Amino acid sequence: MIEMLKSKIHRARVTDANLNYEGSITIYKDLMKFANIHEFEKVAVVNINNGQRFETYVIKGEDEYNSICLNGAAARLVSIGDKIIIMTYVHIEETIVAEHKPTIVMVDDKNRIIDNVTNRTPTDTSELLESYDYDWQKKIY
């Protein structure tokens, strides 16, 4: 078995930090679904602004405002507005490593999904975004 990248949310913006919570990272549910990340799944987080790296687990955010909130002790490792990378990993058989393709999701400064670069051609990506249940023009951020 070899550990490989499973999912990555690239350059998400921290919208909140809650020191008085029991721990974890809250990611809004639509982004979790799109990035193939599950509630309570272990994640590695890299803070692009200060270089901090840490692990925690995911809590599903129910809001509609694209929140990314660090909770508990991890809240001390970020500032609101910081850019972070969120990653999950999976153990796979070495015989299928060449076939493995992680889910990589790019977001903008408001944590809106702008691209999914997971082994897709540009046409495939636009079809995926079009099929995603989001009305980008009418959503208020």
N, C-alpha and C. Protein backbone atom coordinates (compact mmCIF):
# COMPACT_ATOMS: atom_id res chain seq x y z
N MET A 1 0.85 -1.19 0.00
CA MET A 1 0.00 0.00 0.00
C MET A 1 0.89 1.25 0.00
N ILE A 2 0.39 2.25 -0.68
CA ILE A 2 1.09 3.53 -0.73
C ILE A 2 0.07 4.64 -0.46
N GLU A 3 0.51 5.65 0.28
CA GLU A 3 -0.38 6.77 0.60
C GLU A 3 -0.30 7.80 -0.52
N MET A 4 -1.47 8.16 -1.07
CA MET A 4 -1.54 9.10 -2.19
C MET A 4 -2.54 10.20 -1.86
N LEU A 5 -2.38 11.34 -2.54
CA LEU A 5 -3.34 12.42 -2.40
C LEU A 5 -4.70 11.95 -2.90
N LYS A 6 -5.74 12.17 -2.08
CA LYS A 6 -7.11 11.82 -2.48
C LYS A 6 -7.86 13.05 -2.96
N SER A 7 -7.81 14.12 -2.15
CA SER A 7 -8.54 15.34 -2.45
C SER A 7 -7.72 16.55 -2.04
N LYS A 8 -7.95 17.66 -2.76
CA LYS A 8 -7.25 18.90 -2.41
C LYS A 8 -8.15 20.08 -2.74
N ILE A 9 -8.30 20.97 -1.78
CA ILE A 9 -8.95 22.26 -2.00
C ILE A 9 -7.82 23.27 -1.97
N HIS A 10 -7.61 23.95 -3.08
CA HIS A 10 -6.44 24.80 -3.23
C HIS A 10 -6.78 26.27 -3.05
N ARG A 11 -6.09 26.91 -2.12
CA ARG A 11 -6.16 28.36 -1.85
C ARG A 11 -7.51 28.81 -1.29
N ALA A 12 -8.08 28.01 -0.40
CA ALA A 12 -9.30 28.43 0.29
C ALA A 12 -8.95 29.57 1.24
N ARG A 13 -9.91 30.46 1.47
CA ARG A 13 -9.70 31.59 2.38
C ARG A 13 -10.38 31.28 3.71
N VAL A 14 -9.63 31.45 4.80
CA VAL A 14 -10.19 31.25 6.14
C VAL A 14 -11.19 32.37 6.41
N THR A 15 -12.44 32.00 6.72
CA THR A 15 -13.48 32.99 6.98
C THR A 15 -13.75 33.18 8.46
N ASP A 16 -13.28 32.22 9.29
CA ASP A 16 -13.53 32.33 10.73
C ASP A 16 -12.54 31.44 11.47
N ALA A 17 -12.30 31.76 12.73
CA ALA A 17 -11.46 30.96 13.61
C ALA A 17 -12.12 30.99 14.99
N ASN A 18 -12.45 29.81 15.50
CA ASN A 18 -13.20 29.70 16.75
C ASN A 18 -12.40 28.90 17.76
N LEU A 19 -11.65 29.61 18.60
CA LEU A 19 -10.78 28.96 19.58
C LEU A 19 -11.57 28.15 20.60
N ASN A 20 -12.78 28.57 20.93
CA ASN A 20 -13.56 27.92 21.98
C ASN A 20 -14.46 26.81 21.46
N TYR A 21 -14.00 26.10 20.47
CA TYR A 21 -14.73 24.96 19.94
C TYR A 21 -13.88 23.73 20.16
N GLU A 22 -14.45 22.56 20.09
CA GLU A 22 -13.73 21.34 20.45
C GLU A 22 -12.67 20.89 19.45
N GLY A 23 -12.54 21.56 18.35
CA GLY A 23 -11.48 21.22 17.40
C GLY A 23 -12.03 20.82 16.06
N SER A 24 -11.26 21.02 15.02
CA SER A 24 -11.61 20.61 13.67
C SER A 24 -11.54 21.77 12.69
N ILE A 25 -11.94 21.49 11.45
CA ILE A 25 -12.12 22.52 10.43
C ILE A 25 -13.54 22.36 9.89
N THR A 26 -14.27 23.44 9.82
CA THR A 26 -15.60 23.43 9.24
C THR A 26 -15.48 23.88 7.79
N ILE A 27 -15.98 23.05 6.88
CA ILE A 27 -15.97 23.36 5.45
C ILE A 27 -17.42 23.31 4.98
N TYR A 28 -17.83 24.31 4.21
CA TYR A 28 -19.23 24.31 3.78
C TYR A 28 -19.52 23.08 2.93
N LYS A 29 -20.71 22.54 3.13
CA LYS A 29 -21.07 21.21 2.61
C LYS A 29 -20.95 21.07 1.10
N ASP A 30 -21.27 22.11 0.33
CA ASP A 30 -21.18 22.00 -1.12
C ASP A 30 -19.74 21.81 -1.57
N LEU A 31 -18.81 22.51 -0.95
CA LEU A 31 -17.41 22.36 -1.30
C LEU A 31 -16.90 20.97 -0.89
N MET A 32 -17.34 20.50 0.26
CA MET A 32 -16.95 19.14 0.68
C MET A 32 -17.38 18.12 -0.36
N LYS A 33 -18.61 18.23 -0.81
CA LYS A 33 -19.15 17.27 -1.78
C LYS A 33 -18.36 17.34 -3.09
N PHE A 34 -18.12 18.53 -3.56
CA PHE A 34 -17.42 18.72 -4.83
C PHE A 34 -15.99 18.21 -4.75
N ALA A 35 -15.36 18.36 -3.57
CA ALA A 35 -13.96 17.95 -3.39
C ALA A 35 -13.82 16.49 -2.94
N ASN A 36 -14.94 15.80 -2.77
CA ASN A 36 -14.90 14.40 -2.34
C ASN A 36 -14.27 14.25 -0.95
N ILE A 37 -14.66 15.13 -0.04
CA ILE A 37 -14.20 15.08 1.35
C ILE A 37 -15.41 14.77 2.22
N HIS A 38 -15.24 13.87 3.17
CA HIS A 38 -16.34 13.41 4.02
C HIS A 38 -16.27 14.01 5.42
N GLU A 39 -17.43 14.15 6.03
CA GLU A 39 -17.47 14.63 7.41
C GLU A 39 -16.68 13.68 8.30
N PHE A 40 -15.89 14.21 9.19
CA PHE A 40 -15.02 13.53 10.14
C PHE A 40 -13.77 12.92 9.49
N GLU A 41 -13.57 13.15 8.21
CA GLU A 41 -12.36 12.66 7.54
C GLU A 41 -11.15 13.48 8.01
N LYS A 42 -10.05 12.81 8.17
CA LYS A 42 -8.80 13.47 8.55
C LYS A 42 -8.29 14.30 7.38
N VAL A 43 -7.85 15.53 7.67
CA VAL A 43 -7.28 16.40 6.65
C VAL A 43 -5.95 16.99 7.12
N ALA A 44 -5.11 17.25 6.15
CA ALA A 44 -3.88 18.01 6.39
C ALA A 44 -4.17 19.42 5.88
N VAL A 45 -3.75 20.41 6.66
CA VAL A 45 -3.97 21.81 6.30
C VAL A 45 -2.63 22.51 6.24
N VAL A 46 -2.42 23.27 5.17
CA VAL A 46 -1.20 24.07 5.02
C VAL A 46 -1.62 25.53 4.91
N ASN A 47 -1.08 26.37 5.79
CA ASN A 47 -1.37 27.79 5.75
C ASN A 47 -0.34 28.45 4.82
N ILE A 48 -0.82 28.95 3.69
CA ILE A 48 0.08 29.57 2.71
C ILE A 48 0.70 30.85 3.26
N ASN A 49 -0.04 31.57 4.11
CA ASN A 49 0.46 32.85 4.63
C ASN A 49 1.59 32.71 5.64
N ASN A 50 1.52 31.70 6.52
CA ASN A 50 2.54 31.63 7.57
C ASN A 50 3.33 30.32 7.60
N GLY A 51 3.02 29.39 6.71
CA GLY A 51 3.79 28.15 6.62
C GLY A 51 3.37 27.07 7.60
N GLN A 52 2.44 27.33 8.48
CA GLN A 52 1.99 26.32 9.43
C GLN A 52 1.38 25.12 8.70
N ARG A 53 1.66 23.93 9.22
CA ARG A 53 1.08 22.69 8.71
C ARG A 53 0.51 21.93 9.89
N PHE A 54 -0.71 21.42 9.75
CA PHE A 54 -1.32 20.67 10.85
C PHE A 54 -2.38 19.73 10.31
N GLU A 55 -2.80 18.80 11.17
CA GLU A 55 -3.85 17.85 10.83
C GLU A 55 -5.04 18.05 11.75
N THR A 56 -6.22 17.79 11.22
CA THR A 56 -7.44 17.85 12.01
C THR A 56 -8.49 17.01 11.29
N TYR A 57 -9.74 17.17 11.63
CA TYR A 57 -10.80 16.45 10.94
C TYR A 57 -11.87 17.45 10.51
N VAL A 58 -12.74 17.01 9.60
CA VAL A 58 -13.70 17.91 8.96
C VAL A 58 -15.07 17.82 9.63
N ILE A 59 -15.68 18.99 9.79
CA ILE A 59 -17.08 19.11 10.19
C ILE A 59 -17.80 19.78 9.02
N LYS A 60 -18.98 19.27 8.70
CA LYS A 60 -19.76 19.82 7.59
C LYS A 60 -20.41 21.13 7.99
N GLY A 61 -20.15 22.17 7.21
CA GLY A 61 -20.78 23.46 7.43
C GLY A 61 -22.11 23.51 6.70
N GLU A 62 -23.13 23.96 7.38
CA GLU A 62 -24.47 23.99 6.80
C GLU A 62 -24.82 25.34 6.19
N ASP A 63 -23.99 26.33 6.36
CA ASP A 63 -24.35 27.66 5.87
C ASP A 63 -24.21 27.77 4.36
N GLU A 64 -24.64 28.89 3.85
CA GLU A 64 -24.57 29.13 2.41
C GLU A 64 -23.53 30.19 2.08
N TYR A 65 -22.63 30.48 2.96
CA TYR A 65 -21.72 31.60 2.74
C TYR A 65 -20.27 31.16 2.54
N ASN A 66 -20.08 29.95 2.07
CA ASN A 66 -18.75 29.47 1.68
C ASN A 66 -17.73 29.54 2.81
N SER A 67 -18.15 29.15 4.00
CA SER A 67 -17.28 29.28 5.16
C SER A 67 -16.20 28.21 5.23
N ILE A 68 -15.05 28.64 5.72
CA ILE A 68 -13.94 27.77 6.09
C ILE A 68 -13.52 28.27 7.47
N CYS A 69 -13.82 27.48 8.49
CA CYS A 69 -13.56 27.90 9.87
C CYS A 69 -12.67 26.90 10.57
N LEU A 70 -11.57 27.40 11.15
CA LEU A 70 -10.71 26.56 11.97
C LEU A 70 -11.17 26.65 13.41
N ASN A 71 -11.28 25.50 14.06
CA ASN A 71 -11.84 25.42 15.41
C ASN A 71 -10.81 24.90 16.40
N GLY A 72 -11.00 25.24 17.67
CA GLY A 72 -10.13 24.74 18.73
C GLY A 72 -8.70 25.24 18.58
N ALA A 73 -7.76 24.37 18.96
CA ALA A 73 -6.34 24.76 18.94
C ALA A 73 -5.86 25.19 17.55
N ALA A 74 -6.43 24.60 16.49
CA ALA A 74 -6.02 24.97 15.13
C ALA A 74 -6.34 26.42 14.81
N ALA A 75 -7.28 27.01 15.54
CA ALA A 75 -7.63 28.42 15.32
C ALA A 75 -6.44 29.34 15.61
N ARG A 76 -5.52 28.89 16.45
CA ARG A 76 -4.32 29.69 16.76
C ARG A 76 -3.30 29.69 15.61
N LEU A 77 -3.49 28.79 14.64
CA LEU A 77 -2.52 28.64 13.56
C LEU A 77 -2.89 29.41 12.30
N VAL A 78 -4.03 30.11 12.34
CA VAL A 78 -4.50 30.87 11.18
C VAL A 78 -5.01 32.22 11.62
N SER A 79 -5.14 33.10 10.65
CA SER A 79 -5.84 34.37 10.83
C SER A 79 -6.94 34.42 9.78
N ILE A 80 -8.02 35.09 10.12
CA ILE A 80 -9.10 35.25 9.15
C ILE A 80 -8.52 35.94 7.92
N GLY A 81 -8.83 35.40 6.76
CA GLY A 81 -8.29 35.92 5.50
C GLY A 81 -7.11 35.14 4.96
N ASP A 82 -6.47 34.32 5.80
CA ASP A 82 -5.35 33.51 5.33
C ASP A 82 -5.80 32.56 4.23
N LYS A 83 -4.89 32.26 3.32
CA LYS A 83 -5.12 31.26 2.28
C LYS A 83 -4.56 29.93 2.78
N ILE A 84 -5.35 28.86 2.60
CA ILE A 84 -4.91 27.55 3.04
C ILE A 84 -5.13 26.51 1.93
N ILE A 85 -4.43 25.40 2.07
CA ILE A 85 -4.63 24.23 1.21
C ILE A 85 -5.11 23.12 2.13
N ILE A 86 -6.19 22.45 1.74
CA ILE A 86 -6.78 21.37 2.53
C ILE A 86 -6.62 20.09 1.72
N MET A 87 -6.01 19.05 2.33
CA MET A 87 -5.73 17.81 1.60
C MET A 87 -6.16 16.59 2.39
N THR A 88 -6.63 15.58 1.67
CA THR A 88 -6.90 14.26 2.24
C THR A 88 -6.05 13.25 1.48
N TYR A 89 -5.82 12.12 2.12
CA TYR A 89 -4.98 11.08 1.53
C TYR A 89 -5.71 9.74 1.59
N VAL A 90 -5.28 8.82 0.74
CA VAL A 90 -5.86 7.48 0.70
C VAL A 90 -4.73 6.47 0.50
N HIS A 91 -4.88 5.29 1.09
CA HIS A 91 -3.93 4.21 0.87
C HIS A 91 -4.44 3.34 -0.27
N ILE A 92 -3.60 3.13 -1.27
CA ILE A 92 -4.00 2.31 -2.41
C ILE A 92 -2.91 1.28 -2.71
N GLU A 93 -3.30 0.25 -3.40
CA GLU A 93 -2.35 -0.78 -3.82
C GLU A 93 -1.38 -0.19 -4.84
N GLU A 94 -0.12 -0.54 -4.72
CA GLU A 94 0.89 -0.01 -5.64
C GLU A 94 0.60 -0.42 -7.09
N THR A 95 -0.11 -1.49 -7.28
CA THR A 95 -0.40 -1.95 -8.64
C THR A 95 -1.36 -1.02 -9.37
N ILE A 96 -2.09 -0.16 -8.65
CA ILE A 96 -3.03 0.75 -9.32
C ILE A 96 -2.64 2.22 -9.18
N VAL A 97 -1.43 2.49 -8.74
CA VAL A 97 -0.97 3.87 -8.57
C VAL A 97 -1.09 4.67 -9.86
N ALA A 98 -0.73 4.09 -10.97
CA ALA A 98 -0.76 4.82 -12.24
C ALA A 98 -2.17 5.23 -12.64
N GLU A 99 -3.18 4.53 -12.16
CA GLU A 99 -4.57 4.84 -12.50
C GLU A 99 -5.21 5.84 -11.53
N HIS A 100 -4.57 6.08 -10.40
CA HIS A 100 -5.15 6.95 -9.37
C HIS A 100 -5.09 8.41 -9.80
N LYS A 101 -6.21 9.10 -9.67
CA LYS A 101 -6.28 10.54 -9.95
C LYS A 101 -6.99 11.22 -8.79
N PRO A 102 -6.32 12.14 -8.11
CA PRO A 102 -6.96 12.85 -6.99
C PRO A 102 -7.98 13.87 -7.49
N THR A 103 -8.86 14.27 -6.60
CA THR A 103 -9.80 15.36 -6.87
C THR A 103 -9.13 16.65 -6.42
N ILE A 104 -8.95 17.59 -7.33
CA ILE A 104 -8.31 18.86 -7.01
C ILE A 104 -9.28 19.97 -7.39
N VAL A 105 -9.64 20.78 -6.40
CA VAL A 105 -10.62 21.84 -6.60
C VAL A 105 -9.95 23.19 -6.31
N MET A 106 -10.11 24.10 -7.24
CA MET A 106 -9.60 25.46 -7.08
C MET A 106 -10.76 26.35 -6.67
N VAL A 107 -10.51 27.26 -5.73
CA VAL A 107 -11.54 28.21 -5.31
C VAL A 107 -11.02 29.63 -5.44
N ASP A 108 -11.96 30.59 -5.51
CA ASP A 108 -11.57 32.00 -5.60
C ASP A 108 -11.49 32.60 -4.20
N ASP A 109 -11.33 33.91 -4.12
CA ASP A 109 -11.17 34.59 -2.83
C ASP A 109 -12.41 34.51 -1.93
N LYS A 110 -13.54 34.12 -2.50
CA LYS A 110 -14.77 33.96 -1.71
C LYS A 110 -15.12 32.49 -1.54
N ASN A 111 -14.14 31.62 -1.77
CA ASN A 111 -14.30 30.17 -1.64
C ASN A 111 -15.34 29.59 -2.58
N ARG A 112 -15.58 30.28 -3.69
CA ARG A 112 -16.46 29.73 -4.72
C ARG A 112 -15.63 28.84 -5.63
N ILE A 113 -16.18 27.74 -6.03
CA ILE A 113 -15.48 26.79 -6.89
C ILE A 113 -15.30 27.42 -8.27
N ILE A 114 -14.04 27.48 -8.71
CA ILE A 114 -13.78 28.05 -10.03
C ILE A 114 -13.26 27.01 -11.01
N ASP A 115 -12.74 25.89 -10.49
CA ASP A 115 -12.25 24.86 -11.39
C ASP A 115 -12.06 23.56 -10.64
N ASN A 116 -12.16 22.48 -11.39
CA ASN A 116 -11.84 21.16 -10.88
C ASN A 116 -10.86 20.59 -11.89
N VAL A 117 -9.61 20.43 -11.49
CA VAL A 117 -8.56 20.04 -12.42
C VAL A 117 -8.26 18.55 -12.35
N THR A 118 -9.21 17.78 -11.89
CA THR A 118 -9.04 16.36 -11.69
C THR A 118 -9.10 15.59 -12.99
N ASN A 119 -7.97 15.39 -13.61
CA ASN A 119 -7.89 14.51 -14.77
C ASN A 119 -9.00 14.76 -15.78
N ARG A 120 -9.25 16.03 -16.07
CA ARG A 120 -10.32 16.37 -17.00
C ARG A 120 -9.77 17.29 -18.09
N THR A 121 -10.40 17.23 -19.22
CA THR A 121 -10.10 18.21 -20.26
C THR A 121 -10.89 19.47 -19.92
N PRO A 122 -10.57 20.62 -20.50
CA PRO A 122 -11.34 21.83 -20.21
C PRO A 122 -12.84 21.66 -20.46
N THR A 123 -13.20 20.92 -21.49
CA THR A 123 -14.62 20.69 -21.78
C THR A 123 -15.27 19.92 -20.64
N ASP A 124 -14.59 18.87 -20.17
CA ASP A 124 -15.14 18.08 -19.07
C ASP A 124 -15.35 18.94 -17.83
N THR A 125 -14.40 19.83 -17.55
CA THR A 125 -14.49 20.68 -16.37
C THR A 125 -15.69 21.60 -16.46
N SER A 126 -15.91 22.24 -17.61
CA SER A 126 -17.04 23.16 -17.72
C SER A 126 -18.36 22.40 -17.61
N GLU A 127 -18.42 21.20 -18.16
CA GLU A 127 -19.64 20.40 -18.03
C GLU A 127 -19.90 20.06 -16.57
N LEU A 128 -18.84 19.74 -15.83
CA LEU A 128 -19.00 19.41 -14.43
C LEU A 128 -19.49 20.62 -13.64
N LEU A 129 -18.89 21.79 -13.90
CA LEU A 129 -19.32 22.99 -13.19
C LEU A 129 -20.74 23.38 -13.57
N GLU A 130 -21.11 23.20 -14.83
CA GLU A 130 -22.48 23.51 -15.25
C GLU A 130 -23.48 22.59 -14.58
N SER A 131 -23.11 21.34 -14.35
CA SER A 131 -24.03 20.39 -13.74
C SER A 131 -24.10 20.56 -12.22
N TYR A 132 -23.14 21.28 -11.67
CA TYR A 132 -23.11 21.50 -10.23
C TYR A 132 -24.28 22.39 -9.82
N ASP A 133 -24.97 22.03 -8.77
CA ASP A 133 -26.21 22.69 -8.37
C ASP A 133 -25.90 24.01 -7.66
N TYR A 134 -25.51 25.02 -8.44
CA TYR A 134 -25.16 26.32 -7.89
C TYR A 134 -25.57 27.39 -8.89
N ASP A 135 -26.18 28.45 -8.45
CA ASP A 135 -26.50 29.55 -9.34
C ASP A 135 -25.55 30.68 -8.99
N TRP A 136 -24.39 30.71 -9.66
CA TRP A 136 -23.31 31.63 -9.29
C TRP A 136 -23.72 33.09 -9.41
N GLN A 137 -24.51 33.45 -10.39
CA GLN A 137 -24.84 34.84 -10.61
C GLN A 137 -25.80 35.38 -9.55
N LYS A 138 -26.66 34.55 -9.00
CA LYS A 138 -27.67 35.05 -8.06
C LYS A 138 -27.24 34.91 -6.61
N LYS A 139 -26.20 34.14 -6.35
CA LYS A 139 -25.79 33.92 -4.96
C LYS A 139 -25.16 35.20 -4.39
N ILE A 140 -25.53 35.55 -3.18
CA ILE A 140 -25.00 36.75 -2.52
C ILE A 140 -23.86 36.32 -1.60
N TYR A 141 -22.72 36.98 -1.72
CA TYR A 141 -21.57 36.64 -0.90
C TYR A 141 -21.25 37.76 0.04
